[in-house]
């Protein structure tokens, strides 16, 4: 229901608010998730705001759980779609973690490099 509302633009204020709430751990994930579902069904908030809050809730919860489990990193390198990386970058910034977004094609370049090395290993005789 909520996933169909995710569009190109995102309400960054609503996103950041949900990230900060998720990182604080005050409400958990289920209560805010069901509140967003209710807000959607009852039309209390626009689809854009609900989609932004959902994204913030999920990404913020992911960051909160990862830092609890593995500790807080000094820096995170983000590889992937530039739109999604920019959301993670904003969320990590809200968690006081430095983040760097790589170019969109860096993943493809890495895979190509790995494949090239597998096909033509250094020192191999064919």
N, C-alpha and C. Protein backbone atom coordinates (compact mmCIF):
# COMPACT_ATOMS: atom_id res chain seq x y z
N UNK A 1 0.82 -1.21 0.00
CA UNK A 1 0.00 0.00 0.00
C UNK A 1 0.86 1.26 0.00
N UNK A 2 1.82 1.32 0.89
CA UNK A 2 2.65 2.53 0.98
C UNK A 2 3.70 2.54 -0.12
N UNK A 3 4.22 1.38 -0.48
CA UNK A 3 5.28 1.30 -1.48
C UNK A 3 4.90 1.87 -2.82
N UNK A 4 3.64 1.86 -3.17
CA UNK A 4 3.20 2.40 -4.46
C UNK A 4 3.27 3.92 -4.50
N UNK A 5 3.47 4.56 -3.36
CA UNK A 5 3.48 6.02 -3.30
C UNK A 5 4.87 6.61 -3.49
N UNK A 6 5.90 5.78 -3.52
CA UNK A 6 7.26 6.29 -3.62
C UNK A 6 7.48 6.84 -5.03
N UNK A 7 7.80 8.12 -5.10
CA UNK A 7 7.98 8.82 -6.37
C UNK A 7 9.40 9.35 -6.46
N UNK A 8 9.68 10.10 -7.50
CA UNK A 8 11.01 10.66 -7.71
C UNK A 8 11.39 11.66 -6.63
N UNK A 9 10.48 12.57 -6.28
CA UNK A 9 10.80 13.58 -5.28
C UNK A 9 10.45 13.04 -3.89
N UNK A 10 11.15 13.56 -2.89
CA UNK A 10 10.90 13.11 -1.52
C UNK A 10 10.94 14.32 -0.60
N UNK A 11 10.06 14.31 0.37
CA UNK A 11 10.00 15.37 1.38
C UNK A 11 11.14 15.12 2.37
N UNK A 12 12.25 15.85 2.19
CA UNK A 12 13.45 15.58 3.01
C UNK A 12 13.24 15.91 4.48
N UNK A 13 12.40 16.88 4.79
CA UNK A 13 12.15 17.20 6.20
C UNK A 13 11.44 16.03 6.88
N UNK A 14 10.44 15.47 6.23
CA UNK A 14 9.72 14.32 6.79
C UNK A 14 10.64 13.10 6.86
N UNK A 15 11.46 12.91 5.83
CA UNK A 15 12.41 11.80 5.80
C UNK A 15 13.37 11.90 6.99
N UNK A 16 13.99 13.06 7.15
CA UNK A 16 14.98 13.26 8.21
C UNK A 16 14.34 13.11 9.59
N UNK A 17 13.13 13.61 9.76
CA UNK A 17 12.42 13.48 11.03
C UNK A 17 12.25 12.00 11.39
N UNK A 18 11.86 11.19 10.41
CA UNK A 18 11.67 9.76 10.67
C UNK A 18 13.00 9.05 10.91
N UNK A 19 14.04 9.46 10.20
CA UNK A 19 15.38 8.87 10.43
C UNK A 19 15.79 9.14 11.87
N UNK A 20 15.68 10.38 12.31
CA UNK A 20 16.09 10.74 13.67
C UNK A 20 15.28 10.00 14.72
N UNK A 21 14.01 9.83 14.47
CA UNK A 21 13.15 9.09 15.41
C UNK A 21 13.57 7.62 15.47
N UNK A 22 13.87 7.05 14.31
CA UNK A 22 14.28 5.64 14.27
C UNK A 22 15.64 5.45 14.94
N UNK A 23 16.56 6.38 14.71
CA UNK A 23 17.89 6.27 15.30
C UNK A 23 17.82 6.38 16.82
N UNK A 24 16.93 7.23 17.31
CA UNK A 24 16.80 7.39 18.77
C UNK A 24 16.26 6.12 19.42
N UNK A 25 15.51 5.32 18.64
CA UNK A 25 14.98 4.06 19.15
C UNK A 25 13.81 4.21 20.10
N UNK A 26 13.25 5.42 20.19
CA UNK A 26 12.17 5.67 21.15
C UNK A 26 10.89 4.89 20.85
N UNK A 27 10.57 4.71 19.56
CA UNK A 27 9.27 4.13 19.23
C UNK A 27 9.35 2.75 18.60
N UNK A 28 10.55 2.24 18.38
CA UNK A 28 10.66 0.97 17.67
C UNK A 28 10.28 1.17 16.22
N UNK A 29 9.95 0.09 15.53
CA UNK A 29 9.60 0.21 14.12
C UNK A 29 8.13 -0.09 13.86
N UNK A 30 7.54 -0.99 14.63
CA UNK A 30 6.17 -1.41 14.34
C UNK A 30 5.13 -0.33 14.58
N UNK A 31 5.21 0.35 15.71
CA UNK A 31 4.22 1.38 16.01
C UNK A 31 4.22 2.48 14.94
N UNK A 32 5.38 3.07 14.60
CA UNK A 32 5.37 4.09 13.54
C UNK A 32 4.94 3.53 12.19
N UNK A 33 5.27 2.28 11.90
CA UNK A 33 4.89 1.67 10.63
C UNK A 33 3.37 1.56 10.52
N UNK A 34 2.73 1.07 11.56
CA UNK A 34 1.27 0.96 11.53
C UNK A 34 0.58 2.32 11.58
N UNK A 35 1.23 3.30 12.23
CA UNK A 35 0.67 4.66 12.23
C UNK A 35 0.71 5.24 10.81
N UNK A 36 1.79 4.98 10.08
CA UNK A 36 1.88 5.45 8.70
C UNK A 36 0.82 4.77 7.83
N UNK A 37 0.62 3.49 8.05
CA UNK A 37 -0.41 2.77 7.30
C UNK A 37 -1.78 3.39 7.57
N UNK A 38 -2.06 3.67 8.83
CA UNK A 38 -3.33 4.28 9.21
C UNK A 38 -3.47 5.67 8.60
N UNK A 39 -2.39 6.46 8.64
CA UNK A 39 -2.42 7.80 8.04
C UNK A 39 -2.72 7.73 6.55
N UNK A 40 -2.20 6.69 5.90
CA UNK A 40 -2.43 6.51 4.47
C UNK A 40 -3.89 6.17 4.20
N UNK A 41 -4.40 5.20 4.91
CA UNK A 41 -5.78 4.74 4.71
C UNK A 41 -6.78 5.86 5.00
N UNK A 42 -6.52 6.61 6.07
CA UNK A 42 -7.46 7.65 6.49
C UNK A 42 -7.21 9.00 5.80
N UNK A 43 -6.16 9.10 5.01
CA UNK A 43 -5.88 10.34 4.29
C UNK A 43 -5.43 11.48 5.18
N UNK A 44 -4.82 11.18 6.33
CA UNK A 44 -4.38 12.24 7.25
C UNK A 44 -3.11 12.93 6.79
N UNK A 45 -2.32 12.26 5.96
CA UNK A 45 -1.09 12.85 5.44
C UNK A 45 -1.01 12.57 3.95
N UNK A 46 -0.33 13.44 3.23
CA UNK A 46 -0.19 13.25 1.78
C UNK A 46 0.67 12.02 1.51
N UNK A 47 0.50 11.46 0.32
CA UNK A 47 1.28 10.28 -0.06
C UNK A 47 2.77 10.58 -0.04
N UNK A 48 3.16 11.77 -0.47
CA UNK A 48 4.58 12.12 -0.49
C UNK A 48 5.18 12.12 0.91
N UNK A 49 4.46 12.67 1.87
CA UNK A 49 4.95 12.73 3.25
C UNK A 49 5.03 11.32 3.84
N UNK A 50 4.01 10.52 3.62
CA UNK A 50 4.00 9.15 4.14
C UNK A 50 5.14 8.33 3.53
N UNK A 51 5.36 8.47 2.22
CA UNK A 51 6.44 7.74 1.56
C UNK A 51 7.80 8.17 2.11
N UNK A 52 7.98 9.46 2.34
CA UNK A 52 9.23 9.97 2.89
C UNK A 52 9.45 9.45 4.31
N UNK A 53 8.40 9.46 5.11
CA UNK A 53 8.51 8.98 6.49
C UNK A 53 8.79 7.48 6.52
N UNK A 54 8.17 6.73 5.62
CA UNK A 54 8.43 5.29 5.55
C UNK A 54 9.89 5.02 5.19
N UNK A 55 10.39 5.71 4.19
CA UNK A 55 11.80 5.55 3.81
C UNK A 55 12.71 5.90 4.96
N UNK A 56 12.43 7.02 5.63
CA UNK A 56 13.24 7.43 6.77
C UNK A 56 13.20 6.44 7.91
N UNK A 57 12.02 5.89 8.16
CA UNK A 57 11.85 4.91 9.23
C UNK A 57 12.68 3.65 8.94
N UNK A 58 12.59 3.15 7.72
CA UNK A 58 13.30 1.92 7.37
C UNK A 58 14.81 2.12 7.33
N UNK A 59 15.27 3.18 6.68
CA UNK A 59 16.71 3.44 6.60
C UNK A 59 17.27 3.78 7.98
N UNK A 60 16.55 4.59 8.74
CA UNK A 60 16.99 4.95 10.10
C UNK A 60 17.08 3.73 11.00
N UNK A 61 16.10 2.84 10.90
CA UNK A 61 16.12 1.61 11.70
C UNK A 61 17.30 0.73 11.29
N UNK A 62 17.57 0.65 10.01
CA UNK A 62 18.71 -0.14 9.53
C UNK A 62 20.02 0.40 10.10
N UNK A 63 20.19 1.72 10.08
CA UNK A 63 21.40 2.34 10.62
C UNK A 63 21.49 2.12 12.12
N UNK A 64 20.38 2.30 12.83
CA UNK A 64 20.37 2.13 14.29
C UNK A 64 20.75 0.69 14.67
N UNK A 65 20.18 -0.28 13.98
CA UNK A 65 20.47 -1.67 14.30
C UNK A 65 21.91 -2.03 13.94
N UNK A 66 22.41 -1.52 12.82
CA UNK A 66 23.79 -1.81 12.41
C UNK A 66 24.79 -1.21 13.39
N UNK A 67 24.54 0.01 13.86
CA UNK A 67 25.48 0.63 14.79
C UNK A 67 25.42 -0.04 16.16
N UNK A 68 24.26 -0.53 16.55
CA UNK A 68 24.18 -1.27 17.82
C UNK A 68 24.94 -2.59 17.72
N UNK A 69 24.83 -3.24 16.59
CA UNK A 69 25.46 -4.55 16.41
C UNK A 69 26.96 -4.45 16.15
N UNK A 70 27.36 -3.51 15.29
CA UNK A 70 28.75 -3.47 14.84
C UNK A 70 29.55 -2.26 15.32
N UNK A 71 28.89 -1.34 16.00
CA UNK A 71 29.55 -0.12 16.42
C UNK A 71 29.38 0.97 15.37
N UNK A 72 29.72 2.16 15.75
CA UNK A 72 29.54 3.32 14.87
C UNK A 72 30.79 3.51 14.01
N UNK A 73 30.65 3.43 12.70
CA UNK A 73 31.82 3.61 11.83
C UNK A 73 32.20 5.08 11.72
N UNK A 74 33.44 5.32 11.37
CA UNK A 74 33.87 6.70 11.14
C UNK A 74 33.35 7.21 9.81
N UNK A 75 33.30 6.30 8.82
CA UNK A 75 32.95 6.71 7.47
C UNK A 75 32.31 5.52 6.74
N UNK A 76 31.35 5.81 5.88
CA UNK A 76 30.69 4.79 5.07
C UNK A 76 30.80 5.20 3.60
N UNK A 77 31.20 4.25 2.77
CA UNK A 77 31.25 4.47 1.32
C UNK A 77 29.98 3.88 0.74
N UNK A 78 29.21 4.67 0.02
CA UNK A 78 27.94 4.24 -0.55
C UNK A 78 28.08 3.96 -2.04
N UNK A 79 27.67 2.77 -2.45
CA UNK A 79 27.73 2.36 -3.85
C UNK A 79 26.34 1.94 -4.27
N UNK A 80 25.82 2.54 -5.33
CA UNK A 80 24.50 2.18 -5.81
C UNK A 80 23.86 3.33 -6.57
N UNK A 81 22.57 3.24 -6.73
CA UNK A 81 21.79 4.26 -7.41
C UNK A 81 21.96 5.60 -6.69
N UNK A 82 22.24 6.67 -7.43
CA UNK A 82 22.53 7.96 -6.81
C UNK A 82 21.37 8.48 -5.96
N UNK A 83 20.13 8.23 -6.38
CA UNK A 83 18.97 8.70 -5.61
C UNK A 83 18.91 8.00 -4.25
N UNK A 84 19.08 6.69 -4.24
CA UNK A 84 19.06 5.94 -2.98
C UNK A 84 20.27 6.28 -2.12
N UNK A 85 21.44 6.41 -2.75
CA UNK A 85 22.64 6.77 -2.00
C UNK A 85 22.48 8.13 -1.32
N UNK A 86 21.82 9.07 -1.99
CA UNK A 86 21.64 10.39 -1.38
C UNK A 86 20.76 10.30 -0.14
N UNK A 87 19.78 9.40 -0.14
CA UNK A 87 18.95 9.20 1.06
C UNK A 87 19.77 8.60 2.18
N UNK A 88 20.58 7.59 1.86
CA UNK A 88 21.45 6.99 2.88
C UNK A 88 22.46 8.01 3.40
N UNK A 89 22.98 8.84 2.51
CA UNK A 89 23.93 9.86 2.92
C UNK A 89 23.28 10.83 3.92
N UNK A 90 22.06 11.26 3.64
CA UNK A 90 21.34 12.16 4.55
C UNK A 90 21.06 11.47 5.89
N UNK A 91 20.66 10.20 5.82
CA UNK A 91 20.35 9.45 7.05
C UNK A 91 21.62 9.24 7.89
N UNK A 92 22.71 8.89 7.24
CA UNK A 92 23.98 8.70 7.97
C UNK A 92 24.45 10.02 8.57
N UNK A 93 24.26 11.11 7.85
CA UNK A 93 24.60 12.42 8.39
C UNK A 93 23.78 12.71 9.66
N UNK A 94 22.48 12.36 9.63
CA UNK A 94 21.63 12.55 10.81
C UNK A 94 22.11 11.71 11.98
N UNK A 95 22.78 10.59 11.67
CA UNK A 95 23.33 9.71 12.72
C UNK A 95 24.76 10.11 13.09
N UNK A 96 25.21 11.25 12.56
CA UNK A 96 26.55 11.77 12.81
C UNK A 96 27.64 10.80 12.31
N UNK A 97 27.39 10.25 11.11
CA UNK A 97 28.34 9.36 10.47
C UNK A 97 28.67 9.95 9.09
N UNK A 98 29.95 10.08 8.80
CA UNK A 98 30.36 10.60 7.49
C UNK A 98 30.03 9.57 6.41
N UNK A 99 29.53 10.04 5.29
CA UNK A 99 29.20 9.16 4.17
C UNK A 99 29.66 9.80 2.87
N UNK A 100 30.14 8.95 1.97
CA UNK A 100 30.59 9.39 0.66
C UNK A 100 29.87 8.56 -0.40
N UNK A 101 29.23 9.24 -1.35
CA UNK A 101 28.54 8.56 -2.46
C UNK A 101 29.50 8.41 -3.63
N UNK A 102 29.60 7.21 -4.15
CA UNK A 102 30.41 6.95 -5.34
C UNK A 102 29.59 7.26 -6.59
N UNK A 103 30.28 7.34 -7.72
CA UNK A 103 29.59 7.55 -8.99
C UNK A 103 28.66 6.38 -9.27
N UNK A 104 27.62 6.63 -10.06
CA UNK A 104 26.63 5.60 -10.38
C UNK A 104 27.25 4.35 -11.01
N UNK A 105 28.29 4.51 -11.79
CA UNK A 105 28.83 3.37 -12.52
C UNK A 105 29.95 2.63 -11.81
N UNK A 106 30.27 2.99 -10.58
CA UNK A 106 31.39 2.35 -9.88
C UNK A 106 31.13 0.86 -9.62
N UNK A 107 29.90 0.48 -9.35
CA UNK A 107 29.59 -0.95 -9.13
C UNK A 107 29.82 -1.74 -10.41
N UNK A 108 29.35 -1.21 -11.52
CA UNK A 108 29.56 -1.90 -12.80
C UNK A 108 31.04 -1.99 -13.14
N UNK A 109 31.80 -0.93 -12.85
CA UNK A 109 33.24 -0.95 -13.10
C UNK A 109 33.92 -2.02 -12.24
N UNK A 110 33.49 -2.14 -10.99
CA UNK A 110 34.07 -3.15 -10.10
C UNK A 110 33.78 -4.57 -10.57
N UNK A 111 32.55 -4.81 -10.98
CA UNK A 111 32.17 -6.14 -11.47
C UNK A 111 32.95 -6.46 -12.74
N UNK A 112 33.09 -5.47 -13.63
CA UNK A 112 33.86 -5.68 -14.86
C UNK A 112 35.31 -6.01 -14.54
N UNK A 113 35.88 -5.30 -13.57
CA UNK A 113 37.27 -5.54 -13.18
C UNK A 113 37.45 -6.95 -12.60
N UNK A 114 36.51 -7.38 -11.76
CA UNK A 114 36.58 -8.73 -11.19
C UNK A 114 36.47 -9.77 -12.30
N UNK A 115 35.52 -9.59 -13.20
CA UNK A 115 35.34 -10.54 -14.31
C UNK A 115 36.58 -10.59 -15.19
N UNK A 116 37.17 -9.44 -15.45
CA UNK A 116 38.37 -9.40 -16.28
C UNK A 116 39.51 -10.15 -15.62
N UNK A 117 39.66 -10.00 -14.32
CA UNK A 117 40.73 -10.69 -13.60
C UNK A 117 40.48 -12.20 -13.52
N UNK A 118 39.21 -12.60 -13.45
CA UNK A 118 38.89 -14.02 -13.44
C UNK A 118 39.18 -14.66 -14.80
N UNK A 119 38.89 -13.92 -15.86
CA UNK A 119 39.13 -14.44 -17.21
C UNK A 119 40.60 -14.40 -17.60
N UNK A 120 41.33 -13.43 -17.09
CA UNK A 120 42.74 -13.26 -17.42
C UNK A 120 43.57 -13.08 -16.17
N UNK A 121 43.70 -14.13 -15.34
CA UNK A 121 44.46 -13.97 -14.10
C UNK A 121 45.95 -13.68 -14.38
N UNK A 122 46.53 -12.86 -13.53
CA UNK A 122 47.93 -12.49 -13.67
C UNK A 122 48.80 -13.72 -13.47
N UNK A 123 49.72 -13.95 -14.36
CA UNK A 123 50.64 -15.06 -14.23
C UNK A 123 50.10 -16.40 -14.74
N UNK A 124 48.89 -16.41 -15.24
CA UNK A 124 48.32 -17.68 -15.72
C UNK A 124 48.82 -17.95 -17.14
N UNK A 125 49.06 -19.21 -17.42
CA UNK A 125 49.45 -19.57 -18.79
C UNK A 125 48.33 -20.38 -19.41
N UNK A 126 47.95 -19.94 -20.60
CA UNK A 126 46.87 -20.62 -21.31
C UNK A 126 47.35 -21.17 -22.61
